[in-house]
Amino acid sequence: MRRAEITRKTAETSIRVSVDLDGTGTYDNKTGVGFFDHMLDQLARHALIDMVVECDGDLHIDDHHSVEDVGIALGQALAQAVGDKRGIVRYGSCLLPMDDTLVRAALDISGRPYLVWKVDFTTQKIGTFDTELVREFFNAFAIQSGLTLHVECIDGINSHHIAEAAFKAVARALRDAMEIDPRKADAIPSTKGVL
């Protein structure tokens, strides 16, 4: 059972996250930030992770704390659900086109968190959502889940498409990396014997 539930409460946010890595991509994400909910929906659907995210944050200030703290909690849930990483493929990548945009994502469920972010947005906002928060989410998510994550926008004009393609590309790469390898379902995917 590769499932986890995380509760995180601070003076800025109150969050509950649950994930099932062997799901079908069902989701119920309610952060109070509409565009961010849309992106989390894409992450769940395209990674085939069943996901519930509930966040009550200090949105009267801005969206930053909610987005970053959801990244923290979701990363912690992923790390807990994947456990000792026994049997996983470990690596995943995706080259994802979305209209004018092409995004490449590659990741390693390594236990060594690192983010390489080569994504430039053409606008500072998507509606009322600050585009810089996309990187903040992925940075928090990568650190807490123990991912080595590279995301690069190769081409793109529309900021909405760039953000959505990034979430979808990471989701597809994550889906591949989390799969159980039928040839080594009982082994840790490392010559060290531990990840």
C-alpha atoms as a PDB file:
ATOM      1  CA  MET A   1       0.000   0.000   0.000  1.00  0.00           C
ATOM      2  CA  ARG A   2       1.733   3.133  -1.218  1.00  0.00           C
ATOM      3  CA  ARG A   3      -0.433   5.695   0.534  1.00  0.00           C
ATOM      4  CA  ALA A   4       0.209   8.562   2.906  1.00  0.00           C
ATOM      5  CA  GLU A   5      -1.586  11.355   4.702  1.00  0.00           C
ATOM      6  CA  ILE A   6       0.170  14.456   5.993  1.00  0.00           C
ATOM      7  CA  THR A   7      -1.201  17.223   8.199  1.00  0.00           C
ATOM      8  CA  ARG A   8       0.774  20.451   8.466  1.00  0.00           C
ATOM      9  CA  LYS A   9      -0.268  23.401  10.615  1.00  0.00           C
ATOM     10  CA  THR A  10       1.600  26.688  10.976  1.00  0.00           C
ATOM     11  CA  ALA A  11       0.640  30.261  11.812  1.00  0.00           C
ATOM     12  CA  GLU A  12       0.264  30.813   8.049  1.00  0.00           C
ATOM     13  CA  THR A  13      -1.439  27.654   6.751  1.00  0.00           C
ATOM     14  CA  SER A  14      -3.395  24.589   7.802  1.00  0.00           C
ATOM     15  CA  ILE A  15      -2.986  21.741   5.306  1.00  0.00           C
ATOM     16  CA  ARG A  16      -4.122  18.156   4.909  1.00  0.00           C
ATOM     17  CA  VAL A  17      -2.774  16.075   2.029  1.00  0.00           C
ATOM     18  CA  SER A  18      -3.480  12.464   1.143  1.00  0.00           C
ATOM     19  CA  VAL A  19      -1.997  10.506  -1.749  1.00  0.00           C
ATOM     20  CA  ASP A  20      -2.313   7.029  -3.213  1.00  0.00           C
ATOM     21  CA  LEU A  21       0.539   6.378  -5.650  1.00  0.00           C
ATOM     22  CA  ASP A  22      -1.277   3.391  -7.165  1.00  0.00           C
ATOM     23  CA  GLY A  23      -4.450   5.321  -7.928  1.00  0.00           C
ATOM     24  CA  THR A  24      -6.181   6.324 -11.123  1.00  0.00           C
ATOM     25  CA  GLY A  25      -5.593  10.072 -10.972  1.00  0.00           C
ATOM     26  CA  THR A  26      -8.677  11.125  -9.051  1.00  0.00           C
ATOM     27  CA  TYR A  27      -8.366  14.417  -7.200  1.00  0.00           C
ATOM     28  CA  ASP A  28     -10.072  16.857  -4.875  1.00  0.00           C
ATOM     29  CA  ASN A  29      -7.817  19.869  -4.445  1.00  0.00           C
ATOM     30  CA  LYS A  30      -9.025  22.924  -2.549  1.00  0.00           C
ATOM     31  CA  THR A  31      -6.379  25.509  -1.696  1.00  0.00           C
ATOM     32  CA  GLY A  32      -8.378  28.680  -2.233  1.00  0.00           C
ATOM     33  CA  VAL A  33      -6.082  29.507  -5.166  1.00  0.00           C
ATOM     34  CA  GLY A  34      -7.997  28.611  -8.319  1.00  0.00           C
ATOM     35  CA  PHE A  35      -5.132  28.417 -10.788  1.00  0.00           C
ATOM     36  CA  PHE A  36      -3.016  26.405  -8.350  1.00  0.00           C
ATOM     37  CA  ASP A  37      -5.880  23.936  -7.822  1.00  0.00           C
ATOM     38  CA  HIS A  38      -6.006  23.516 -11.610  1.00  0.00           C
ATOM     39  CA  MET A  39      -2.272  22.723 -11.639  1.00  0.00           C
ATOM     40  CA  LEU A  40      -2.570  20.226  -8.771  1.00  0.00           C
ATOM     41  CA  ASP A  41      -5.412  18.548 -10.669  1.00  0.00           C
ATOM     42  CA  GLN A  42      -3.048  18.147 -13.642  1.00  0.00           C
ATOM     43  CA  LEU A  43      -0.336  16.688 -11.406  1.00  0.00           C
ATOM     44  CA  ALA A  44      -2.722  14.097  -9.955  1.00  0.00           C
ATOM     45  CA  ARG A  45      -4.364  13.177 -13.256  1.00  0.00           C
ATOM     46  CA  HIS A  46      -1.201  12.755 -15.301  1.00  0.00           C
ATOM     47  CA  ALA A  47       0.853  11.035 -12.574  1.00  0.00           C
ATOM     48  CA  LEU A  48      -2.114   8.730 -11.805  1.00  0.00           C
ATOM     49  CA  ILE A  49      -1.858   9.681  -8.143  1.00  0.00           C
ATOM     50  CA  ASP A  50      -5.133   9.851  -6.218  1.00  0.00           C
ATOM     51  CA  MET A  51      -4.768  13.148  -4.381  1.00  0.00           C
ATOM     52  CA  VAL A  52      -6.678  15.241  -1.886  1.00  0.00           C
ATOM     53  CA  VAL A  53      -5.293  18.628  -0.862  1.00  0.00           C
ATOM     54  CA  GLU A  54      -7.065  20.908   1.601  1.00  0.00           C
ATOM     55  CA  CYS A  55      -5.392  24.189   2.492  1.00  0.00           C
ATOM     56  CA  ASP A  56      -6.644  27.054   4.609  1.00  0.00           C
ATOM     57  CA  GLY A  57      -4.010  29.748   4.180  1.00  0.00           C
ATOM     58  CA  ASP A  58      -3.436  33.432   4.769  1.00  0.00           C
ATOM     59  CA  LEU A  59      -4.639  34.429   1.306  1.00  0.00           C
ATOM     60  CA  HIS A  60      -5.408  37.940   2.584  1.00  0.00           C
ATOM     61  CA  ILE A  61      -1.622  38.433   2.413  1.00  0.00           C
ATOM     62  CA  ASP A  62      -0.976  36.603  -0.874  1.00  0.00           C
ATOM     63  CA  ASP A  63      -0.792  33.070  -2.312  1.00  0.00           C
ATOM     64  CA  HIS A  64       2.872  32.437  -1.468  1.00  0.00           C
ATOM     65  CA  HIS A  65       2.544  30.619   1.875  1.00  0.00           C
ATOM     66  CA  SER A  66      -0.264  28.379   0.636  1.00  0.00           C
ATOM     67  CA  VAL A  67       1.554  27.351  -2.545  1.00  0.00           C
ATOM     68  CA  GLU A  68       4.911  26.731  -0.867  1.00  0.00           C
ATOM     69  CA  ASP A  69       3.430  24.903   2.134  1.00  0.00           C
ATOM     70  CA  VAL A  70       1.335  22.647  -0.095  1.00  0.00           C
ATOM     71  CA  GLY A  71       4.573  21.805  -1.922  1.00  0.00           C
ATOM     72  CA  ILE A  72       6.153  20.907   1.418  1.00  0.00           C
ATOM     73  CA  ALA A  73       3.233  18.738   2.565  1.00  0.00           C
ATOM     74  CA  LEU A  74       2.767  17.060  -0.811  1.00  0.00           C
ATOM     75  CA  GLY A  75       6.487  16.295  -1.000  1.00  0.00           C
ATOM     76  CA  GLN A  76       6.403  14.775   2.488  1.00  0.00           C
ATOM     77  CA  ALA A  77       3.401  12.652   1.509  1.00  0.00           C
ATOM     78  CA  LEU A  78       5.147  11.392  -1.627  1.00  0.00           C
ATOM     79  CA  ALA A  79       8.303  10.491   0.322  1.00  0.00           C
ATOM     80  CA  GLN A  80       6.273   8.633   2.935  1.00  0.00           C
ATOM     81  CA  ALA A  81       4.167   6.790   0.354  1.00  0.00           C
ATOM     82  CA  VAL A  82       7.126   5.656  -1.753  1.00  0.00           C
ATOM     83  CA  GLY A  83       8.790   4.285   1.397  1.00  0.00           C
ATOM     84  CA  ASP A  84      12.196   2.642   0.948  1.00  0.00           C
ATOM     85  CA  LYS A  85      11.754   2.864  -2.856  1.00  0.00           C
ATOM     86  CA  ARG A  86      11.903  -0.900  -3.232  1.00  0.00           C
ATOM     87  CA  GLY A  87      10.904  -2.007  -6.711  1.00  0.00           C
ATOM     88  CA  ILE A  88      10.438   1.431  -8.278  1.00  0.00           C
ATOM     89  CA  VAL A  89      11.848   2.286 -11.697  1.00  0.00           C
ATOM     90  CA  ARG A  90      13.390   5.372 -10.015  1.00  0.00           C
ATOM     91  CA  TYR A  91      14.005   7.534 -13.107  1.00  0.00           C
ATOM     92  CA  GLY A  92      11.477   9.276 -15.301  1.00  0.00           C
ATOM     93  CA  SER A  93      11.425  11.913 -17.995  1.00  0.00           C
ATOM     94  CA  CYS A  94       8.943  13.572 -20.296  1.00  0.00           C
ATOM     95  CA  LEU A  95       9.085  15.938 -23.244  1.00  0.00           C
ATOM     96  CA  LEU A  96       5.638  17.520 -23.187  1.00  0.00           C
ATOM     97  CA  PRO A  97       4.121  19.723 -25.895  1.00  0.00           C
ATOM     98  CA  MET A  98       1.187  22.009 -25.172  1.00  0.00           C
ATOM     99  CA  ASP A  99       0.256  24.257 -28.080  1.00  0.00           C
ATOM    100  CA  ASP A 100       3.045  26.880 -28.288  1.00  0.00           C
ATOM    101  CA  THR A 101       4.958  25.366 -25.387  1.00  0.00           C
ATOM    102  CA  LEU A 102       7.441  22.533 -25.057  1.00  0.00           C
ATOM    103  CA  VAL A 103       8.685  21.535 -21.594  1.00  0.00           C
ATOM    104  CA  ARG A 104      11.171  18.849 -20.631  1.00  0.00           C
ATOM    105  CA  ALA A 105      11.154  17.300 -17.164  1.00  0.00           C
ATOM    106  CA  ALA A 106      13.537  14.653 -15.868  1.00  0.00           C
ATOM    107  CA  LEU A 107      13.706  13.296 -12.347  1.00  0.00           C
ATOM    108  CA  ASP A 108      15.316  10.767 -10.076  1.00  0.00           C
ATOM    109  CA  ILE A 109      13.594   9.561  -6.897  1.00  0.00           C
ATOM    110  CA  SER A 110      17.051   9.558  -5.380  1.00  0.00           C
ATOM    111  CA  GLY A 111      16.650  10.836  -1.836  1.00  0.00           C
ATOM    112  CA  ARG A 112      19.033  13.636  -2.887  1.00  0.00           C
ATOM    113  CA  PRO A 113      16.856  16.726  -3.363  1.00  0.00           C
ATOM    114  CA  TYR A 114      17.910  19.170  -6.044  1.00  0.00           C
ATOM    115  CA  LEU A 115      16.019  21.453  -8.408  1.00  0.00           C
ATOM    116  CA  VAL A 116      17.308  22.755 -11.723  1.00  0.00           C
ATOM    117  CA  TRP A 117      14.740  25.262 -12.995  1.00  0.00           C
ATOM    118  CA  LYS A 118      15.138  26.702 -16.487  1.00  0.00           C
ATOM    119  CA  VAL A 119      11.678  28.155 -16.982  1.00  0.00           C
ATOM    120  CA  ASP A 120      11.001  31.766 -17.893  1.00  0.00           C
ATOM    121  CA  PHE A 121       7.468  33.111 -17.970  1.00  0.00           C
ATOM    122  CA  THR A 122       6.383  35.795 -20.404  1.00  0.00           C
ATOM    123  CA  THR A 123       4.147  37.465 -17.805  1.00  0.00           C
ATOM    124  CA  GLN A 124       4.385  38.000 -14.047  1.00  0.00           C
ATOM    125  CA  LYS A 125       0.826  36.824 -13.460  1.00  0.00           C
ATOM    126  CA  ILE A 126      -1.646  34.267 -14.757  1.00  0.00           C
ATOM    127  CA  GLY A 127      -4.883  35.954 -13.778  1.00  0.00           C
ATOM    128  CA  THR A 128      -4.125  36.873 -10.167  1.00  0.00           C
ATOM    129  CA  PHE A 129      -1.563  34.063  -9.688  1.00  0.00           C
ATOM    130  CA  ASP A 130       2.126  35.060  -9.465  1.00  0.00           C
ATOM    131  CA  THR A 131       4.085  32.976 -11.984  1.00  0.00           C
ATOM    132  CA  GLU A 132       7.158  32.925  -9.699  1.00  0.00           C
ATOM    133  CA  LEU A 133       5.161  30.660  -7.353  1.00  0.00           C
ATOM    134  CA  VAL A 134       5.412  27.759  -9.811  1.00  0.00           C
ATOM    135  CA  ARG A 135       9.122  27.493  -9.043  1.00  0.00           C
ATOM    136  CA  GLU A 136       8.438  27.932  -5.308  1.00  0.00           C
ATOM    137  CA  PHE A 137       6.065  24.961  -5.400  1.00  0.00           C
ATOM    138  CA  PHE A 138       8.460  22.680  -7.271  1.00  0.00           C
ATOM    139  CA  ASN A 139      11.397  23.675  -5.074  1.00  0.00           C
ATOM    140  CA  ALA A 140       9.485  22.798  -1.890  1.00  0.00           C
ATOM    141  CA  PHE A 141       8.099  19.623  -3.487  1.00  0.00           C
ATOM    142  CA  ALA A 142      11.518  18.405  -4.698  1.00  0.00           C
ATOM    143  CA  ILE A 143      13.235  19.080  -1.378  1.00  0.00           C
ATOM    144  CA  GLN A 144      10.611  17.363   0.775  1.00  0.00           C
ATOM    145  CA  SER A 145      10.091  14.375  -1.531  1.00  0.00           C
ATOM    146  CA  GLY A 146      13.815  13.805  -2.089  1.00  0.00           C
ATOM    147  CA  LEU A 147      13.652  14.307  -5.845  1.00  0.00           C
ATOM    148  CA  THR A 148      16.428  15.371  -8.148  1.00  0.00           C
ATOM    149  CA  LEU A 149      14.269  17.378 -10.541  1.00  0.00           C
ATOM    150  CA  HIS A 150      15.175  19.191 -13.755  1.00  0.00           C
ATOM    151  CA  VAL A 151      12.533  21.287 -15.536  1.00  0.00           C
ATOM    152  CA  GLU A 152      13.265  23.242 -18.700  1.00  0.00           C
ATOM    153  CA  CYS A 153      10.965  25.245 -20.952  1.00  0.00           C
ATOM    154  CA  ILE A 154      12.357  24.755 -24.445  1.00  0.00           C
ATOM    155  CA  ASP A 155       9.728  26.910 -26.147  1.00  0.00           C
ATOM    156  CA  GLY A 156       6.697  28.847 -25.027  1.00  0.00           C
ATOM    157  CA  ILE A 157       4.817  32.124 -25.329  1.00  0.00           C
ATOM    158  CA  ASN A 158       1.700  31.744 -23.167  1.00  0.00           C
ATOM    159  CA  SER A 159       2.394  31.734 -19.418  1.00  0.00           C
ATOM    160  CA  HIS A 160      -0.634  29.537 -18.658  1.00  0.00           C
ATOM    161  CA  HIS A 161       0.619  26.942 -21.139  1.00  0.00           C
ATOM    162  CA  ILE A 162       4.164  27.116 -19.749  1.00  0.00           C
ATOM    163  CA  ALA A 163       2.976  26.487 -16.177  1.00  0.00           C
ATOM    164  CA  GLU A 164       0.547  23.750 -17.158  1.00  0.00           C
ATOM    165  CA  ALA A 165       3.090  21.999 -19.371  1.00  0.00           C
ATOM    166  CA  ALA A 166       5.585  22.051 -16.476  1.00  0.00           C
ATOM    167  CA  PHE A 167       3.094  20.408 -14.109  1.00  0.00           C
ATOM    168  CA  LYS A 168       2.072  17.832 -16.717  1.00  0.00           C
ATOM    169  CA  ALA A 169       5.668  17.017 -17.690  1.00  0.00           C
ATOM    170  CA  VAL A 170       6.682  16.521 -14.052  1.00  0.00           C
ATOM    171  CA  ALA A 171       3.572  14.395 -13.522  1.00  0.00           C
ATOM    172  CA  ARG A 172       4.367  12.103 -16.456  1.00  0.00           C
ATOM    173  CA  ALA A 173       8.003  11.765 -15.380  1.00  0.00           C
ATOM    174  CA  LEU A 174       6.890  11.018 -11.820  1.00  0.00           C
ATOM    175  CA  ARG A 175       4.409   8.407 -13.036  1.00  0.00           C
ATOM    176  CA  ASP A 176       7.180   6.546 -14.892  1.00  0.00           C
ATOM    177  CA  ALA A 177       9.649   6.796 -11.992  1.00  0.00           C
ATOM    178  CA  MET A 178       7.168   5.570  -9.356  1.00  0.00           C
ATOM    179  CA  GLU A 179       6.078   2.519 -11.358  1.00  0.00           C
ATOM    180  CA  ILE A 180       7.059  -0.855  -9.990  1.00  0.00           C
ATOM    181  CA  ASP A 181       9.671  -2.480 -12.224  1.00  0.00           C
ATOM    182  CA  PRO A 182       8.316  -5.967 -13.043  1.00  0.00           C
ATOM    183  CA  ARG A 183      11.878  -7.280 -13.497  1.00  0.00           C
ATOM    184  CA  LYS A 184      13.099  -5.997 -10.091  1.00  0.00           C
ATOM    185  CA  ALA A 185       9.980  -5.550  -7.959  1.00  0.00           C
ATOM    186  CA  ASP A 186      11.768  -6.648  -4.777  1.00  0.00           C
ATOM    187  CA  ALA A 187      15.013  -4.694  -5.196  1.00  0.00           C
ATOM    188  CA  ILE A 188      16.217  -1.222  -4.261  1.00  0.00           C
ATOM    189  CA  PRO A 189      17.159   0.461  -7.574  1.00  0.00           C
ATOM    190  CA  SER A 190      20.730   1.311  -6.572  1.00  0.00           C
ATOM    191  CA  THR A 191      24.073  -0.467  -6.410  1.00  0.00           C
ATOM    192  CA  LYS A 192      24.379   0.950  -2.867  1.00  0.00           C
ATOM    193  CA  GLY A 193      21.393  -1.116  -1.759  1.00  0.00           C
ATOM    194  CA  VAL A 194      19.694   1.947  -0.262  1.00  0.00           C
ATOM    195  CA  LEU A 195      18.248   5.218  -1.525  1.00  0.00           C
END
